[in-house]
Amino acid sequence: MQETQGKETRQADMDYEQDFMTTAQDTVATLISKSVPKATFTSSDGQTILGWQFDGIERDIEIRGNPGRGWWQEAWGRTAYVIDSDCRFWEYSFSGVDEHERDTRLSHGIRPMPKSYLVGSEGEPFSKYKEILQRLRYQY
């Protein structure tokens, strides 16, 4: 009986993911049908993706050092969560560092977003981002 319960649990887990991916596909189809333009995200090494940002994280400016003693550094950045027209999820990151007596350094990165990021830590698996994607259809 435990083996059957394990299979049912695995099936239920797969249903959450499939339900989420169906929502993602429906959202992308709606955005395309509404001719919502895609944003361009380019990494420092030239990799480019086109897609729609559906969430992200802003990093506040962090100031280190002591300007009165001759050294300081400011760092900032953001991460954008992006879905492309093929329903692939990406993480685009931007960071900057401005340091006393040095040039400002900017960095842009792109990497596939692990599905584990989309599972969430509260509610049903994928529920937070499923809701965000559903809302994205109506923001344009």
Protein backbone atom coordinates (compact mmCIF):
# COMPACT_ATOMS: atom_id res chain seq x y z
CA MET A 1 0.00 0.00 0.00
CA GLN A 2 2.85 2.40 0.75
CA GLU A 3 4.19 1.89 -2.75
CA THR A 4 0.82 2.91 -4.18
CA GLN A 5 0.71 5.99 -1.94
CA GLY A 6 4.22 6.94 -3.09
CA LYS A 7 3.16 6.71 -6.73
CA GLU A 8 0.05 8.79 -6.04
CA THR A 9 2.17 11.42 -4.26
CA ARG A 10 4.63 11.53 -7.17
CA GLN A 11 1.68 11.83 -9.58
CA ALA A 12 0.21 14.72 -7.54
CA ASP A 13 3.61 16.46 -7.58
CA MET A 14 3.76 16.10 -11.34
CA ASP A 15 0.25 17.56 -11.59
CA TYR A 16 1.40 20.76 -9.82
CA GLU A 17 4.23 21.17 -12.28
CA GLN A 18 2.07 20.37 -15.30
CA ASP A 19 -0.61 22.79 -14.09
CA PHE A 20 2.03 25.49 -13.68
CA MET A 21 3.47 24.86 -17.15
CA THR A 22 -0.04 25.00 -18.65
CA THR A 23 -0.50 28.41 -17.00
CA ALA A 24 2.88 29.52 -18.38
CA GLN A 25 1.92 28.38 -21.90
CA ASP A 26 -1.46 30.12 -21.68
CA THR A 27 0.21 33.31 -20.45
CA VAL A 28 2.77 33.33 -23.26
CA ALA A 29 0.04 32.65 -25.84
CA THR A 30 -1.99 35.58 -24.46
CA LEU A 31 1.00 37.94 -24.49
CA ILE A 32 1.79 36.97 -28.08
CA SER A 33 -1.85 37.35 -29.17
CA LYS A 34 -1.94 40.82 -27.60
CA SER A 35 1.33 41.68 -29.38
CA VAL A 36 2.95 42.61 -26.08
CA PRO A 37 6.55 43.47 -26.94
CA LYS A 38 9.32 41.39 -25.43
CA ALA A 39 12.15 43.03 -23.53
CA THR A 40 15.76 42.35 -24.47
CA PHE A 41 18.13 41.11 -21.78
CA THR A 42 21.84 40.92 -22.66
CA SER A 43 24.67 39.53 -20.54
CA SER A 44 28.18 40.93 -20.31
CA ASP A 45 29.41 38.09 -22.53
CA GLY A 46 26.86 38.91 -25.26
CA GLN A 47 24.20 36.27 -24.58
CA THR A 48 20.76 37.69 -25.33
CA ILE A 49 17.26 36.54 -24.47
CA LEU A 50 13.92 38.08 -25.40
CA GLY A 51 11.03 37.72 -23.03
CA TRP A 52 8.72 39.19 -20.46
CA GLN A 53 9.75 39.99 -16.91
CA PHE A 54 7.30 38.51 -14.44
CA ASP A 55 9.09 39.10 -11.15
CA GLY A 56 12.39 40.22 -9.72
CA ILE A 57 14.45 41.29 -6.76
CA GLU A 58 15.92 44.75 -6.19
CA ARG A 59 19.09 45.01 -4.14
CA ASP A 60 19.39 48.26 -2.22
CA ILE A 61 22.56 50.29 -2.52
CA GLU A 62 25.12 49.05 -0.03
CA ILE A 63 27.83 51.47 1.03
CA ARG A 64 31.06 50.16 2.52
CA GLY A 65 34.16 51.88 3.76
CA ASN A 66 34.69 55.35 5.11
CA PRO A 67 34.89 58.29 2.67
CA GLY A 68 36.54 60.39 5.41
CA ARG A 69 39.41 57.91 5.54
CA GLY A 70 39.81 57.83 1.77
CA TRP A 71 38.09 54.62 0.73
CA TRP A 72 34.46 53.82 -0.07
CA GLN A 73 32.50 51.47 -2.25
CA GLU A 74 28.87 51.39 -3.36
CA ALA A 75 27.29 48.22 -4.69
CA TRP A 76 23.80 47.72 -6.13
CA GLY A 77 21.91 45.38 -8.38
CA ARG A 78 18.74 43.62 -9.37
CA THR A 79 17.56 40.28 -10.63
CA ALA A 80 14.75 39.88 -13.16
CA TYR A 81 12.82 36.67 -13.64
CA VAL A 82 11.97 36.29 -17.32
CA ILE A 83 9.83 33.91 -19.37
CA ASP A 84 10.55 33.61 -23.08
CA SER A 85 8.20 32.72 -25.93
CA ASP A 86 9.19 29.03 -25.62
CA CYS A 87 8.10 29.01 -21.93
CA ARG A 88 11.66 28.77 -20.67
CA PHE A 89 12.46 30.60 -17.47
CA TRP A 90 15.55 32.76 -17.10
CA GLU A 91 17.28 34.73 -14.40
CA TYR A 92 18.85 38.00 -15.57
CA SER A 93 21.09 39.75 -13.06
CA PHE A 94 22.62 43.19 -13.11
CA SER A 95 25.10 44.48 -10.59
CA GLY A 96 27.24 47.56 -10.28
CA VAL A 97 30.13 48.61 -8.09
CA ASP A 98 31.40 52.16 -7.76
CA GLU A 99 34.62 52.47 -5.82
CA HIS A 100 36.77 55.44 -4.81
CA GLU A 101 39.45 56.16 -7.45
CA ARG A 102 38.33 53.27 -9.67
CA ASP A 103 36.03 53.04 -12.65
CA THR A 104 32.47 51.91 -12.10
CA ARG A 105 32.12 48.21 -12.90
CA LEU A 106 28.87 46.85 -14.30
CA SER A 107 28.04 43.20 -14.78
CA HIS A 108 25.08 41.55 -16.54
CA GLY A 109 24.39 37.82 -16.36
CA ILE A 110 21.85 35.40 -17.79
CA ARG A 111 21.25 31.83 -16.74
CA PRO A 112 18.42 29.34 -16.97
CA MET A 113 16.23 29.58 -13.88
CA PRO A 114 16.08 26.33 -11.95
CA LYS A 115 12.52 25.08 -11.51
CA SER A 116 13.24 24.82 -7.80
CA TYR A 117 13.16 28.64 -7.66
CA LEU A 118 9.57 28.56 -8.89
CA VAL A 119 8.30 26.01 -6.37
CA GLY A 120 8.12 28.52 -3.51
CA SER A 121 8.17 27.93 0.22
CA GLU A 122 4.52 28.53 1.09
CA GLY A 123 1.24 27.19 -0.23
CA GLU A 124 1.09 24.62 -2.99
CA PRO A 125 4.14 24.12 -5.18
CA PHE A 126 4.40 26.78 -7.92
CA SER A 127 1.35 28.65 -6.54
CA LYS A 128 3.09 32.03 -6.09
CA TYR A 129 4.47 32.17 -9.63
CA LYS A 130 1.36 30.63 -11.14
CA GLU A 131 -0.61 33.57 -9.73
CA ILE A 132 1.99 36.08 -10.94
CA LEU A 133 1.88 34.63 -14.47
CA GLN A 134 -1.93 34.68 -14.48
CA ARG A 135 -1.85 38.38 -13.55
CA LEU A 136 0.78 39.15 -16.19
CA ARG A 137 -1.78 38.45 -18.93
CA TYR A 138 -3.92 41.37 -17.74
CA GLN A 139 -1.18 43.93 -17.16
CA TYR A 140 -1.12 44.91 -20.84
